[in-house]
Amino acid sequence: MAEGAAEAPAESGGGGDSGAGAPERGVAPIKPQYLTTKEQFHEFLEAKGQEKPSQEIKTGDPGSNDLAEPEAKRIRLEDGQTGEVAEAGEQPQAQKRARGQNKGRPHMKPTHYDKNRLCPSLVQDSAAKCFFGDRCRFLHDVGLYLETKPSDLGPRCVLFETFGRCPYGVTCRFAGAHLGPEGQNLVQEERVQAPPVRNGLDKALQQQLRKRKVRFERAEQALRQLSKGHVPGPSPEATVPEVSGAEGAPGQDSGDTQPAVPEPGAEALASGSVRTCGPLTDEDIVRLRPCEKRKLDISGKLYLAPLTTCGNLPFRRICKRFGADVTCGEMAVCTNLLQGQTSEWALLRRHPCEDIFGVQLEGAFPDTMTKCAELLNRTIEVDFVDINVGCPIDLVYKKLHGRSREQRYTRLADWEYIAQCVAAASPMPLFGNGDVLSYEDANRAMQTGVAGVMIARGALLKPWLFTEIKEQRHWDISSSERMAILQDFTRYGLEHWGSDTQGVEKTRRFLLEWLSFLCRYVPVGLLERLPQRINERPPYYLGRDYLETLMASQKAADWIRISEMLLGPVPPNFVFLPKHKANAYK
């Protein structure tokens, strides 16, 4: 770790003056001795750092450092040209209208997942009775499954070492660490503990949501007041939303009784499986009413913005380690939550290290927003709710929305306008965000009077940004330290998504999505002028070692190579295309 002195800020998008001449606008100013060409860069990676790249440039313009344009964009430009024929004598091809990028992208789930899959009843030690009965389409022969199962990826299982038991048993890709001589799943009784992640979806509640048997009395009351033109105020007593009982549910005398939605943490307290430390307080036993809750004060804190796809729980754990104060889950759609969709409720999960945690909701109608707020207030542990009004994706911008879709990230954030909003909103606290990639950027943001700074893409490019801001320095982090961060992410991912084949490949997928952002970071020691700005794309350069160069590659094949260092070889027919569009540097 090393500190670097920052120079005076230059104009946005440009570079400072240096001895080597003014760098190209919109390109990160890297020291000349590290610069290279596209051909030499990939030649060095193919040689795995054993040979120096040749000085000859086979294709392209001499000395060109521009990034290759994506294939889809070249096609779109060519389709727009008229009256051109490729070669004499050939018939001109019919023009095809380009309808966007990645329309024909392959499915992310390899087809072999569903082939020769072991029945979940055997995985969960319920071989005496199959969950699916005669309709089961899974294997019940463990020996046949082991014949087709891929080899283990390593000798150590993260789940077995962390929780004392691996719930995936023989299907775990690290099963050798916890299988006995006869194939039985070993358990470390003295270390067995439930995973600490909270805010799970109760099966009974899910069934009631799907059957639309949940009643939302407070939400309906607020909607009636809104329809009459009155602003609903806080009720003196917090009423519990009642839920009609599921058919055949145990403990119900008749279908007319409607039990309340369970309190968050009630099941954990009853079972005693959650271990706590410190003195026992009243709040541990009796849940506080809304009128008794303490006010949330996050002024001056660093807020990790909710990030779709990349802002998952393992990534948030990484950012918490580096000093993020406030975290928020990925965007969840209210209608999907009210329908009890498991994938949507998974976005609400919270790790114990997230001491100040919120969820982000997307919705366009008062009825779904109020009902969802009432449901989450009674069923999960959350400190605040973030309403999405700034996402440029098609699903969101056509509804409840305050950001220009055309603008996206092609222009820098207008902090002067944010300062005007701060003055207009006073005394209500207002957080600001946009283009923060260094502690200098954060300092300038705080000078506008905002209550705090929210960081989004800056955390994706370098999650240690929170440490830099709190310690007011530039961290020249080494490639080995960055690789250790990726190792922690994979470990957290296996804990969160599972250690079977599907869990491993889901961890790999989200790792690759993150690597598509991490490759844009330029190490501090390579820059001519500090700090790197978020709208400056990195040119082709050779790092101080092979790993640093590999991490700078913007080819998906090289990201997959990094994932193989952490998670073993990719399965057959694995194809990865990042979801986000590379428009951050336009």
Foldseek 3Di string as FASTA:
>chain_A
DDFDDFDDDDDPQFDDQDPVGTDDGQAFFFDPVFDDAPVQLVVCVVVLNPDHGDPDDDDDDPPDQDDDDDPLVVLQVVLPDPDDDPDPPDDDDDRDHRDDPPPVPDDQDDPCCPPQAAQLCVLQVNLVDGPVPPPDPHDPDVVVSVVPQDAAQDQDDLCCVQAQFASRQPQFSNNNNAADPVRGGHGDVVRHFDAQKFQADDPFVLVQLQVVQWADVVLVVQVVCVVVVHHDDDDPFDDFTWGQGDPPDPPDPDRPDTHGAAATCPVCVVVVRDDDDDDDDPCVPDPDTPVPDDDDAQFAFEEADADPLQLAPLLVVLLLVLGHQAYEFHEAELVCVSNSPNVRSNSVMDHPSRPAYEYEYEDADSSSVSSSVSVCVGYGDHDDYHYDADDLDPVGPVGNHDYDNVPHQQDWDDLVVVLVVCVVPPPPAAEDETFDQALVSQVVSVVSVHRYYYYYLNCLQPSSRNNCNVVVGADQDDLVNVLVSLLSSQSVQCVSQHRGPVSLSSSLQSQLLSLLSNLQDDGPVRGPHDDDTQLRGHTQTHDPGSSNSLSNDNDSVSSQVSSCVRRNHDDPPRDDDHPDDPNNND
